[in-house]
Amino acid sequence: MIRVAQHLLPLADIPDGEGRAVRVDAAEIAVFRCGDAVRAVGNRCPHAGGPLADGILAGDIVACPLHGRRVDLRSGEVDDCDAAVPVYDVEVVDGVVVLWR
C-alpha cells in the first residue's frame, strides 16, 4: 500500500492548545496542537454537528463548543454518544502538518 502525503498547514499557524479547521477534498478536518503532538479528527461532533476545531482542548480531549461533549482525539470516541469521529494520521514534516492517506 502506498501512502500519500497531503500538506495541510504550517504548524506555526496552530497555537499550542488550539485547533484549526482545514478542508481536504470533501472532508472538513480539525487539526489540534497538543503540546508536542498534533492530532486530527473530523471537524463535526456527531451529537449535534458542532465545530470541534473551535472547542476547548485539554490534553488529547476536546470539548465540543455546542454542548460540551468530550471527544478523544486519539480514538475519536465521544462521551455519551454511540457515534465516533474519524481520526486521521498526521505528523509534522519540516514545520508543516502532513496528512497521510
Protein backbone atom coordinates (compact mmCIF):
# COMPACT_ATOMS: atom_id res chain seq x y z
CA MET A 1 0.00 0.00 0.00
CA ILE A 2 1.36 3.39 -0.98
CA ARG A 3 0.76 6.25 1.44
CA VAL A 4 0.35 9.74 0.04
CA ALA A 5 1.19 12.91 1.99
CA GLN A 6 -1.13 15.91 1.82
CA HIS A 7 0.20 19.18 3.27
CA LEU A 8 -2.45 20.76 5.49
CA LEU A 9 -0.97 23.91 7.07
CA PRO A 10 2.17 25.19 8.79
CA LEU A 11 2.47 24.07 12.41
CA ALA A 12 3.16 27.71 13.32
CA ASP A 13 -0.45 28.52 12.30
CA ILE A 14 -1.78 26.48 15.25
CA PRO A 15 -1.03 27.88 18.71
CA ASP A 16 -0.40 25.20 21.35
CA GLY A 17 -3.70 24.10 22.89
CA GLU A 18 -5.84 25.17 19.93
CA GLY A 19 -7.34 23.70 16.79
CA ARG A 20 -7.82 24.81 13.20
CA ALA A 21 -10.27 23.57 10.58
CA VAL A 22 -8.99 22.57 7.14
CA ARG A 23 -10.78 21.10 4.13
CA VAL A 24 -9.36 18.10 2.29
CA ASP A 25 -11.48 17.13 -0.69
CA ALA A 26 -14.99 16.75 0.79
CA ALA A 27 -13.79 16.25 4.37
CA GLU A 28 -13.54 19.00 6.97
CA ILE A 29 -10.77 18.12 9.41
CA ALA A 30 -9.97 19.63 12.81
CA VAL A 31 -6.20 19.76 13.44
CA PHE A 32 -5.03 20.30 17.03
CA ARG A 33 -1.67 21.13 18.55
CA CYS A 34 -1.44 19.23 21.82
CA GLY A 35 1.97 20.18 23.20
CA ASP A 36 4.49 18.15 21.21
CA ALA A 37 1.77 16.13 19.46
CA VAL A 38 -0.51 17.01 16.56
CA ARG A 39 -3.90 15.30 16.29
CA ALA A 40 -6.57 15.40 13.58
CA VAL A 41 -10.21 14.29 13.60
CA GLY A 42 -13.35 15.00 11.64
CA ASN A 43 -14.42 18.55 12.48
CA ARG A 44 -18.10 17.84 13.26
CA CYS A 45 -19.32 16.39 16.56
CA PRO A 46 -21.71 13.52 15.79
CA HIS A 47 -24.09 14.66 18.54
CA ALA A 48 -25.21 17.97 17.00
CA GLY A 49 -22.61 18.88 14.38
CA GLY A 50 -20.59 21.32 16.49
CA PRO A 51 -17.26 22.51 15.02
CA LEU A 52 -14.66 20.65 17.07
CA ALA A 53 -11.80 22.91 15.91
CA ASP A 54 -13.47 25.66 17.99
CA GLY A 55 -13.71 23.50 21.12
CA ILE A 56 -11.77 23.73 24.38
CA LEU A 57 -8.71 21.47 24.38
CA ALA A 58 -7.35 19.68 27.45
CA GLY A 59 -4.53 17.28 26.62
CA ASP A 60 -5.86 14.88 23.97
CA ILE A 61 -9.51 15.69 24.70
CA VAL A 62 -11.56 18.44 23.05
CA ALA A 63 -14.94 19.61 24.35
CA CYS A 64 -17.47 20.36 21.63
CA PRO A 65 -18.33 24.09 21.74
CA LEU A 66 -22.09 23.43 21.41
CA HIS A 67 -22.87 21.00 24.24
CA GLY A 68 -19.53 20.14 25.84
CA ARG A 69 -19.36 16.53 24.64
CA ARG A 70 -15.80 15.33 25.15
CA VAL A 71 -14.02 13.84 22.12
CA ASP A 72 -10.87 11.74 22.49
CA LEU A 73 -8.54 12.91 19.72
CA ARG A 74 -6.63 9.60 19.75
CA SER A 75 -9.61 7.27 19.30
CA GLY A 76 -12.43 9.51 18.02
CA GLU A 77 -14.73 8.32 20.83
CA VAL A 78 -17.35 10.81 22.02
CA ASP A 79 -18.80 10.90 25.57
CA ASP A 80 -22.47 9.93 25.79
CA CYS A 81 -22.66 9.18 22.06
CA ASP A 82 -22.64 5.89 20.17
CA ALA A 83 -21.03 7.51 17.11
CA ALA A 84 -17.35 8.46 16.83
CA VAL A 85 -15.48 10.98 14.72
CA PRO A 86 -12.93 9.84 12.15
CA VAL A 87 -9.29 10.02 13.27
CA TYR A 88 -6.65 11.00 10.71
CA ASP A 89 -2.97 10.04 10.57
CA VAL A 90 -0.93 13.28 10.73
CA GLU A 91 2.61 14.29 11.57
CA VAL A 92 4.84 17.35 11.32
CA VAL A 93 7.38 17.30 8.49
CA ASP A 94 9.71 20.29 8.13
CA GLY A 95 7.32 22.50 10.10
CA VAL A 96 4.23 21.53 8.07
CA VAL A 97 1.34 19.38 9.30
CA VAL A 98 1.02 16.48 6.85
CA LEU A 99 -1.97 14.17 6.46
CA TRP A 100 -1.15 10.60 5.41
CA ARG A 101 -3.67 8.66 3.39
